[in-house]
C-alpha atoms as a PDB file:
ATOM      1  CA  MET A   1     -44.731-120.849 107.383  1.00  0.00           C
ATOM      2  CA  ILE A   2     -44.423-118.549 104.467  1.00  0.00           C
ATOM      3  CA  ARG A   3     -42.066-118.794 102.030  1.00  0.00           C
ATOM      4  CA  PHE A   4     -41.886-116.532  98.838  1.00  0.00           C
ATOM      5  CA  GLU A   5     -39.561-118.084  96.374  1.00  0.00           C
ATOM      6  CA  SER A   6     -38.402-116.010  93.427  1.00  0.00           C
ATOM      7  CA  VAL A   7     -41.784-114.286  93.208  1.00  0.00           C
ATOM      8  CA  SER A   8     -42.659-112.010  90.355  1.00  0.00           C
ATOM      9  CA  LYS A   9     -46.413-110.261  89.818  1.00  0.00           C
ATOM     10  CA  THR A  10     -47.214-108.228  86.702  1.00  0.00           C
ATOM     11  CA  TYR A  11     -50.682-106.728  86.269  1.00  0.00           C
ATOM     12  CA  ASP A  12     -52.922-106.620  83.145  1.00  0.00           C
ATOM     13  CA  GLY A  13     -51.344-103.880  81.195  1.00  0.00           C
ATOM     14  CA  GLY A  14     -47.826-105.504  82.158  1.00  0.00           C
ATOM     15  CA  PHE A  15     -47.308-103.112  85.464  1.00  0.00           C
ATOM     16  CA  GLN A  16     -44.999-105.287  87.487  1.00  0.00           C
ATOM     17  CA  ALA A  17     -45.572-105.130  90.775  1.00  0.00           C
ATOM     18  CA  LEU A  18     -43.188-107.383  92.000  1.00  0.00           C
ATOM     19  CA  LYS A  19     -39.916-108.473  90.539  1.00  0.00           C
ATOM     20  CA  ASN A  20     -38.371-111.754  91.635  1.00  0.00           C
ATOM     21  CA  ILE A  21     -38.554-111.245  95.678  1.00  0.00           C
ATOM     22  CA  SER A  22     -37.718-114.338  98.185  1.00  0.00           C
ATOM     23  CA  PHE A  23     -38.224-114.317 101.793  1.00  0.00           C
ATOM     24  CA  ASN A  24     -39.557-116.154 104.556  1.00  0.00           C
ATOM     25  CA  ILE A  25     -42.179-115.412 107.628  1.00  0.00           C
ATOM     26  CA  SER A  26     -41.522-117.915 110.618  1.00  0.00           C
ATOM     27  CA  LYS A  27     -44.920-118.738 112.496  1.00  0.00           C
ATOM     28  CA  GLY A  28     -46.067-116.523 115.244  1.00  0.00           C
ATOM     29  CA  GLU A  29     -43.627-113.797 113.681  1.00  0.00           C
ATOM     30  CA  MET A  30     -44.832-110.376 113.779  1.00  0.00           C
ATOM     31  CA  ILE A  31     -43.383-108.519 110.727  1.00  0.00           C
ATOM     32  CA  PHE A  32     -43.831-104.920 108.798  1.00  0.00           C
ATOM     33  CA  VAL A  33     -43.742-104.318 105.082  1.00  0.00           C
ATOM     34  CA  ALA A  34     -42.567-100.798 104.343  1.00  0.00           C
ATOM     35  CA  GLY A  35     -42.893 -98.848 101.342  1.00  0.00           C
ATOM     36  CA  HIS A  36     -43.787 -95.712  99.184  1.00  0.00           C
ATOM     37  CA  SER A  37     -47.168 -96.208  97.418  1.00  0.00           C
ATOM     38  CA  GLY A  38     -46.947 -98.179  94.777  1.00  0.00           C
ATOM     39  CA  ALA A  39     -43.720-100.300  96.148  1.00  0.00           C
ATOM     40  CA  GLY A  40     -45.750-103.545  95.865  1.00  0.00           C
ATOM     41  CA  LYS A  41     -47.043-103.995  99.719  1.00  0.00           C
ATOM     42  CA  SER A  42     -50.467-104.286  98.982  1.00  0.00           C
ATOM     43  CA  THR A  43     -49.598-107.160  95.906  1.00  0.00           C
ATOM     44  CA  MET A  44     -47.304-108.924  98.640  1.00  0.00           C
ATOM     45  CA  LEU A  45     -50.212-109.204 101.133  1.00  0.00           C
ATOM     46  CA  ARG A  46     -52.952-110.028  98.815  1.00  0.00           C
ATOM     47  CA  LEU A  47     -50.546-113.121  98.007  1.00  0.00           C
ATOM     48  CA  ILE A  48     -49.859-114.148 100.966  1.00  0.00           C
ATOM     49  CA  ALA A  49     -53.624-114.189 101.802  1.00  0.00           C
ATOM     50  CA  GLY A  50     -54.593-116.295  98.618  1.00  0.00           C
ATOM     51  CA  ILE A  51     -56.448-113.421  96.578  1.00  0.00           C
ATOM     52  CA  THR A  52     -54.081-112.874  93.670  1.00  0.00           C
ATOM     53  CA  ARG A  53     -51.730-115.665  92.523  1.00  0.00           C
ATOM     54  CA  PRO A  54     -48.051-114.858  91.456  1.00  0.00           C
ATOM     55  CA  THR A  55     -47.189-114.517  88.005  1.00  0.00           C
ATOM     56  CA  SER A  56     -43.858-116.599  88.334  1.00  0.00           C
ATOM     57  CA  GLY A  57     -42.334-117.782  91.483  1.00  0.00           C
ATOM     58  CA  LYS A  58     -43.832-120.149  94.480  1.00  0.00           C
ATOM     59  CA  VAL A  59     -45.611-118.559  97.624  1.00  0.00           C
ATOM     60  CA  LEU A  60     -45.317-121.240 100.006  1.00  0.00           C
ATOM     61  CA  MET A  61     -47.879-121.161 103.433  1.00  0.00           C
ATOM     62  CA  ASN A  62     -47.300-124.518 105.023  1.00  0.00           C
ATOM     63  CA  LYS A  63     -45.343-126.161 102.304  1.00  0.00           C
ATOM     64  CA  HIS A  64     -48.499-125.795  99.984  1.00  0.00           C
ATOM     65  CA  ASP A  65     -47.714-124.300  96.936  1.00  0.00           C
ATOM     66  CA  LEU A  66     -50.943-121.080  96.738  1.00  0.00           C
ATOM     67  CA  GLY A  67     -50.840-120.795  92.857  1.00  0.00           C
ATOM     68  CA  SER A  68     -51.241-124.332  92.683  1.00  0.00           C
ATOM     69  CA  LEU A  69     -54.292-124.293  94.913  1.00  0.00           C
ATOM     70  CA  SER A  70     -58.061-124.590  93.473  1.00  0.00           C
ATOM     71  CA  ASP A  71     -60.238-122.066  94.118  1.00  0.00           C
ATOM     72  CA  ASN A  72     -62.087-124.284  96.953  1.00  0.00           C
ATOM     73  CA  GLN A  73     -58.784-125.321  98.434  1.00  0.00           C
ATOM     74  CA  LEU A  74     -57.618-121.176  98.780  1.00  0.00           C
ATOM     75  CA  CYS A  75     -61.244-120.288 100.536  1.00  0.00           C
ATOM     76  CA  TYR A  76     -60.502-122.815 102.564  1.00  0.00           C
ATOM     77  CA  LEU A  77     -57.179-121.700 103.423  1.00  0.00           C
ATOM     78  CA  ARG A  78     -58.665-118.323 103.686  1.00  0.00           C
ATOM     79  CA  GLN A  79     -60.520-119.344 106.786  1.00  0.00           C
ATOM     80  CA  HIS A  80     -57.562-119.173 108.873  1.00  0.00           C
ATOM     81  CA  ILE A  81     -56.320-115.783 107.736  1.00  0.00           C
ATOM     82  CA  GLY A  82     -57.793-112.607 108.816  1.00  0.00           C
ATOM     83  CA  ILE A  83     -57.695-109.897 106.817  1.00  0.00           C
ATOM     84  CA  VAL A  84     -57.872-105.908 107.718  1.00  0.00           C
ATOM     85  CA  PHE A  85     -58.298-104.246 104.142  1.00  0.00           C
ATOM     86  CA  GLN A  86     -56.648-100.623 103.408  1.00  0.00           C
ATOM     87  CA  ASP A  87     -60.727 -99.350 102.715  1.00  0.00           C
ATOM     88  CA  HIS A  88     -62.220-101.084 105.304  1.00  0.00           C
ATOM     89  CA  LYS A  89     -64.998-102.942 102.924  1.00  0.00           C
ATOM     90  CA  ILE A  90     -67.323-101.695 106.199  1.00  0.00           C
ATOM     91  CA  LEU A  91     -71.170-102.499 105.676  1.00  0.00           C
ATOM     92  CA  PHE A  92     -72.667 -99.040 106.506  1.00  0.00           C
ATOM     93  CA  ASP A  93     -76.447-100.600 106.442  1.00  0.00           C
ATOM     94  CA  ARG A  94     -75.631-103.771 109.259  1.00  0.00           C
ATOM     95  CA  ASN A  95     -74.802-102.205 112.409  1.00  0.00           C
ATOM     96  CA  VAL A  96     -71.083-102.781 114.523  1.00  0.00           C
ATOM     97  CA  LEU A  97     -72.259-106.190 115.662  1.00  0.00           C
ATOM     98  CA  GLN A  98     -73.573-107.778 112.177  1.00  0.00           C
ATOM     99  CA  ASN A  99     -70.395-106.601 110.675  1.00  0.00           C
ATOM    100  CA  VAL A 100     -68.400-108.171 113.208  1.00  0.00           C
ATOM    101  CA  MET A 101     -70.495-111.603 112.716  1.00  0.00           C
ATOM    102  CA  LEU A 102     -71.034-111.456 108.961  1.00  0.00           C
ATOM    103  CA  PRO A 103     -67.357-113.793 108.395  1.00  0.00           C
ATOM    104  CA  LEU A 104     -68.669-116.347 110.838  1.00  0.00           C
ATOM    105  CA  ARG A 105     -72.303-116.300 109.205  1.00  0.00           C
ATOM    106  CA  ILE A 106     -70.460-116.979 106.215  1.00  0.00           C
ATOM    107  CA  ILE A 107     -68.289-120.069 107.305  1.00  0.00           C
ATOM    108  CA  GLY A 108     -71.518-121.495 108.710  1.00  0.00           C
ATOM    109  CA  PHE A 109     -71.428-120.640 112.036  1.00  0.00           C
ATOM    110  CA  THR A 110     -75.281-120.535 113.656  1.00  0.00           C
ATOM    111  CA  ASN A 111     -76.357-116.677 114.700  1.00  0.00           C
ATOM    112  CA  LYS A 112     -76.388-117.785 118.121  1.00  0.00           C
ATOM    113  CA  GLU A 113     -72.374-118.795 118.321  1.00  0.00           C
ATOM    114  CA  ALA A 114     -71.978-115.998 115.699  1.00  0.00           C
ATOM    115  CA  GLU A 115     -72.816-113.331 118.017  1.00  0.00           C
ATOM    116  CA  LYS A 116     -71.568-114.835 120.794  1.00  0.00           C
ATOM    117  CA  ARG A 117     -68.212-114.630 119.001  1.00  0.00           C
ATOM    118  CA  ALA A 118     -68.484-111.521 117.468  1.00  0.00           C
ATOM    119  CA  ARG A 119     -69.248-109.912 121.272  1.00  0.00           C
ATOM    120  CA  ILE A 120     -65.993-111.004 122.272  1.00  0.00           C
ATOM    121  CA  ALA A 121     -63.860-110.010 119.343  1.00  0.00           C
ATOM    122  CA  ILE A 122     -65.384-106.550 119.780  1.00  0.00           C
ATOM    123  CA  GLU A 123     -64.483-106.640 123.429  1.00  0.00           C
ATOM    124  CA  LYS A 124     -61.164-107.252 122.589  1.00  0.00           C
ATOM    125  CA  VAL A 125     -60.280-104.436 120.658  1.00  0.00           C
ATOM    126  CA  GLY A 126     -62.379-101.724 122.827  1.00  0.00           C
ATOM    127  CA  LEU A 127     -65.527-101.356 121.095  1.00  0.00           C
ATOM    128  CA  LYS A 128     -67.626-103.189 123.907  1.00  0.00           C
ATOM    129  CA  GLY A 129     -70.997-100.928 124.336  1.00  0.00           C
ATOM    130  CA  ARG A 130     -71.248-100.055 120.680  1.00  0.00           C
ATOM    131  CA  GLU A 131     -71.992-103.565 119.437  1.00  0.00           C
ATOM    132  CA  LYS A 132     -75.270-101.960 117.969  1.00  0.00           C
ATOM    133  CA  ASP A 133     -74.257 -98.460 117.003  1.00  0.00           C
ATOM    134  CA  ASP A 134     -74.183 -97.001 113.276  1.00  0.00           C
ATOM    135  CA  PRO A 135     -70.680 -97.762 111.958  1.00  0.00           C
ATOM    136  CA  ASN A 136     -71.138 -94.154 110.368  1.00  0.00           C
ATOM    137  CA  GLY A 137     -71.026 -92.918 113.644  1.00  0.00           C
ATOM    138  CA  LEU A 138     -67.795 -93.778 114.333  1.00  0.00           C
ATOM    139  CA  SER A 139     -64.183 -92.309 114.324  1.00  0.00           C
ATOM    140  CA  GLY A 140     -61.666 -93.000 111.747  1.00  0.00           C
ATOM    141  CA  GLY A 141     -59.718 -95.042 114.413  1.00  0.00           C
ATOM    142  CA  GLU A 142     -63.052 -97.070 115.562  1.00  0.00           C
ATOM    143  CA  GLN A 143     -63.825 -97.998 111.941  1.00  0.00           C
ATOM    144  CA  GLN A 144     -60.405 -99.162 111.894  1.00  0.00           C
ATOM    145  CA  ARG A 145     -61.059-101.471 115.327  1.00  0.00           C
ATOM    146  CA  LEU A 146     -64.498-102.970 113.859  1.00  0.00           C
ATOM    147  CA  CYS A 147     -62.176-104.076 110.808  1.00  0.00           C
ATOM    148  CA  ILE A 148     -59.724-105.820 113.465  1.00  0.00           C
ATOM    149  CA  ALA A 149     -62.577-107.140 114.985  1.00  0.00           C
ATOM    150  CA  ARG A 150     -64.419-108.345 112.207  1.00  0.00           C
ATOM    151  CA  ALA A 151     -60.438-109.678 110.871  1.00  0.00           C
ATOM    152  CA  VAL A 152     -59.964-112.071 114.200  1.00  0.00           C
ATOM    153  CA  VAL A 153     -63.661-113.096 115.070  1.00  0.00           C
ATOM    154  CA  HIS A 154     -62.766-116.444 113.558  1.00  0.00           C
ATOM    155  CA  HIS A 155     -59.558-116.807 115.416  1.00  0.00           C
ATOM    156  CA  PRO A 156     -56.996-116.816 112.395  1.00  0.00           C
ATOM    157  CA  SER A 157     -53.664-118.249 112.955  1.00  0.00           C
ATOM    158  CA  ILE A 158     -52.287-115.102 110.545  1.00  0.00           C
ATOM    159  CA  LEU A 159     -53.405-111.591 110.710  1.00  0.00           C
ATOM    160  CA  ILE A 160     -52.721-109.185 107.456  1.00  0.00           C
ATOM    161  CA  ALA A 161     -52.869-105.541 107.926  1.00  0.00           C
ATOM    162  CA  ASP A 162     -52.693-103.248 104.587  1.00  0.00           C
ATOM    163  CA  GLU A 163     -51.858 -99.581 105.782  1.00  0.00           C
ATOM    164  CA  PRO A 164     -53.814 -99.926 109.203  1.00  0.00           C
ATOM    165  CA  SER A 165     -52.903 -96.621 110.238  1.00  0.00           C
ATOM    166  CA  ALA A 166     -53.690 -94.642 107.178  1.00  0.00           C
ATOM    167  CA  ASN A 167     -55.713 -91.520 107.466  1.00  0.00           C
ATOM    168  CA  LEU A 168     -55.307 -91.859 111.574  1.00  0.00           C
ATOM    169  CA  ASP A 169     -53.814 -89.099 113.600  1.00  0.00           C
ATOM    170  CA  ARG A 170     -50.812 -90.987 115.585  1.00  0.00           C
ATOM    171  CA  ALA A 171     -52.242 -91.410 118.604  1.00  0.00           C
ATOM    172  CA  TYR A 172     -54.906 -93.509 116.825  1.00  0.00           C
ATOM    173  CA  ALA A 173     -52.395 -94.898 114.916  1.00  0.00           C
ATOM    174  CA  LEU A 174     -50.129 -95.775 118.133  1.00  0.00           C
ATOM    175  CA  ASP A 175     -53.561 -97.410 119.640  1.00  0.00           C
ATOM    176  CA  ILE A 176     -53.984 -99.491 116.360  1.00  0.00           C
ATOM    177  CA  MET A 177     -50.605-100.767 116.841  1.00  0.00           C
ATOM    178  CA  GLU A 178     -50.962-101.672 120.370  1.00  0.00           C
ATOM    179  CA  LEU A 179     -53.762-103.665 119.502  1.00  0.00           C
ATOM    180  CA  PHE A 180     -51.838-105.927 116.710  1.00  0.00           C
ATOM    181  CA  LYS A 181     -49.072-106.489 119.569  1.00  0.00           C
ATOM    182  CA  THR A 182     -51.416-107.684 121.602  1.00  0.00           C
ATOM    183  CA  PHE A 183     -53.035-110.540 118.880  1.00  0.00           C
ATOM    184  CA  HIS A 184     -49.075-111.458 117.981  1.00  0.00           C
ATOM    185  CA  GLU A 185     -48.574-111.685 122.268  1.00  0.00           C
ATOM    186  CA  ALA A 186     -50.970-114.363 121.902  1.00  0.00           C
ATOM    187  CA  GLY A 187     -49.327-116.679 119.228  1.00  0.00           C
ATOM    188  CA  THR A 188     -51.054-115.083 115.881  1.00  0.00           C
ATOM    189  CA  THR A 189     -48.562-114.139 113.064  1.00  0.00           C
ATOM    190  CA  VAL A 190     -49.066-110.622 112.104  1.00  0.00           C
ATOM    191  CA  ILE A 191     -47.809-109.092 108.861  1.00  0.00           C
ATOM    192  CA  ILE A 192     -48.659-105.440 108.678  1.00  0.00           C
ATOM    193  CA  SER A 193     -47.664-102.638 105.860  1.00  0.00           C
ATOM    194  CA  ALA A 194     -47.314 -98.744 106.025  1.00  0.00           C
ATOM    195  CA  HIS A 195     -45.263 -96.653 104.624  1.00  0.00           C
ATOM    196  CA  ASP A 196     -44.754 -94.630 107.922  1.00  0.00           C
ATOM    197  CA  GLU A 197     -41.384 -96.460 109.295  1.00  0.00           C
ATOM    198  CA  THR A 198     -41.714 -94.681 112.583  1.00  0.00           C
ATOM    199  CA  LEU A 199     -44.646 -96.207 113.693  1.00  0.00           C
ATOM    200  CA  MET A 200     -42.898 -99.406 113.055  1.00  0.00           C
ATOM    201  CA  GLN A 201     -39.244 -98.737 114.559  1.00  0.00           C
ATOM    202  CA  ASP A 202     -40.149 -99.009 118.248  1.00  0.00           C
ATOM    203  CA  TYR A 203     -41.302-102.442 118.308  1.00  0.00           C
ATOM    204  CA  GLY A 204     -38.120-104.129 117.181  1.00  0.00           C
ATOM    205  CA  HIS A 205     -39.356-106.371 114.779  1.00  0.00           C
ATOM    206  CA  ARG A 206     -38.158-107.385 111.107  1.00  0.00           C
ATOM    207  CA  ILE A 207     -39.475-104.989 108.694  1.00  0.00           C
ATOM    208  CA  LEU A 208     -39.321-105.613 104.916  1.00  0.00           C
ATOM    209  CA  ARG A 209     -38.582-102.527 102.955  1.00  0.00           C
ATOM    210  CA  LEU A 210     -40.093-102.516  99.492  1.00  0.00           C
ATOM    211  CA  GLN A 211     -39.057-100.304  96.386  1.00  0.00           C
ATOM    212  CA  GLY A 212     -40.401-100.423  93.212  1.00  0.00           C
ATOM    213  CA  GLY A 213     -41.480-104.065  93.705  1.00  0.00           C
ATOM    214  CA  ARG A 214     -38.245-105.325  95.015  1.00  0.00           C
ATOM    215  CA  PHE A 215     -36.529-105.106  98.261  1.00  0.00           C
ATOM    216  CA  ALA A 216     -34.687-101.537  99.030  1.00  0.00           C
ATOM    217  CA  SER A 217     -31.178-102.476  99.752  1.00  0.00           C
END
């Protein structure tokens, strides 16, 4: 489903975030990406999501070379991907329900259908009854659940999460990991980055370990 072929990514200024990496992710797989800050985890996820393009090599999704797609084609592709960003990107001037509805409104859903789907997603992540709440009043774990609801509201086939357990205590972090597990069990391909491998090891899924832009031996 997802294939990296000798992918490197160099940013303006010369920083090389990824260095000639190759791997495959199968449809329906749950996979972890481990590594310290600056190892290249976020860059890898951004490449999978089509947010950035490789400097060299190919990122393939269902045999489509993401680097050769137009911006419009990438926008269409991203409708099948849910992303939980490391910095949340919550709109604090809107309530929980409005935050979750937003991706659907952007891609053309009616307000009625967007609200229906958003309420279902909110219930799935355990925030039922908080629809009208101000996100500022949510705990860190609840804000993360809001972000997950927004990422899955359009029923993506791929769910990407960049450091979703960061800044959460262990109990909340485990709850969030269990939530991702439920989406994986429903057939979604789930890709999660984290620096704490102890959270990953209990699940028995493949771990890709990055160090300095390369896979660690």
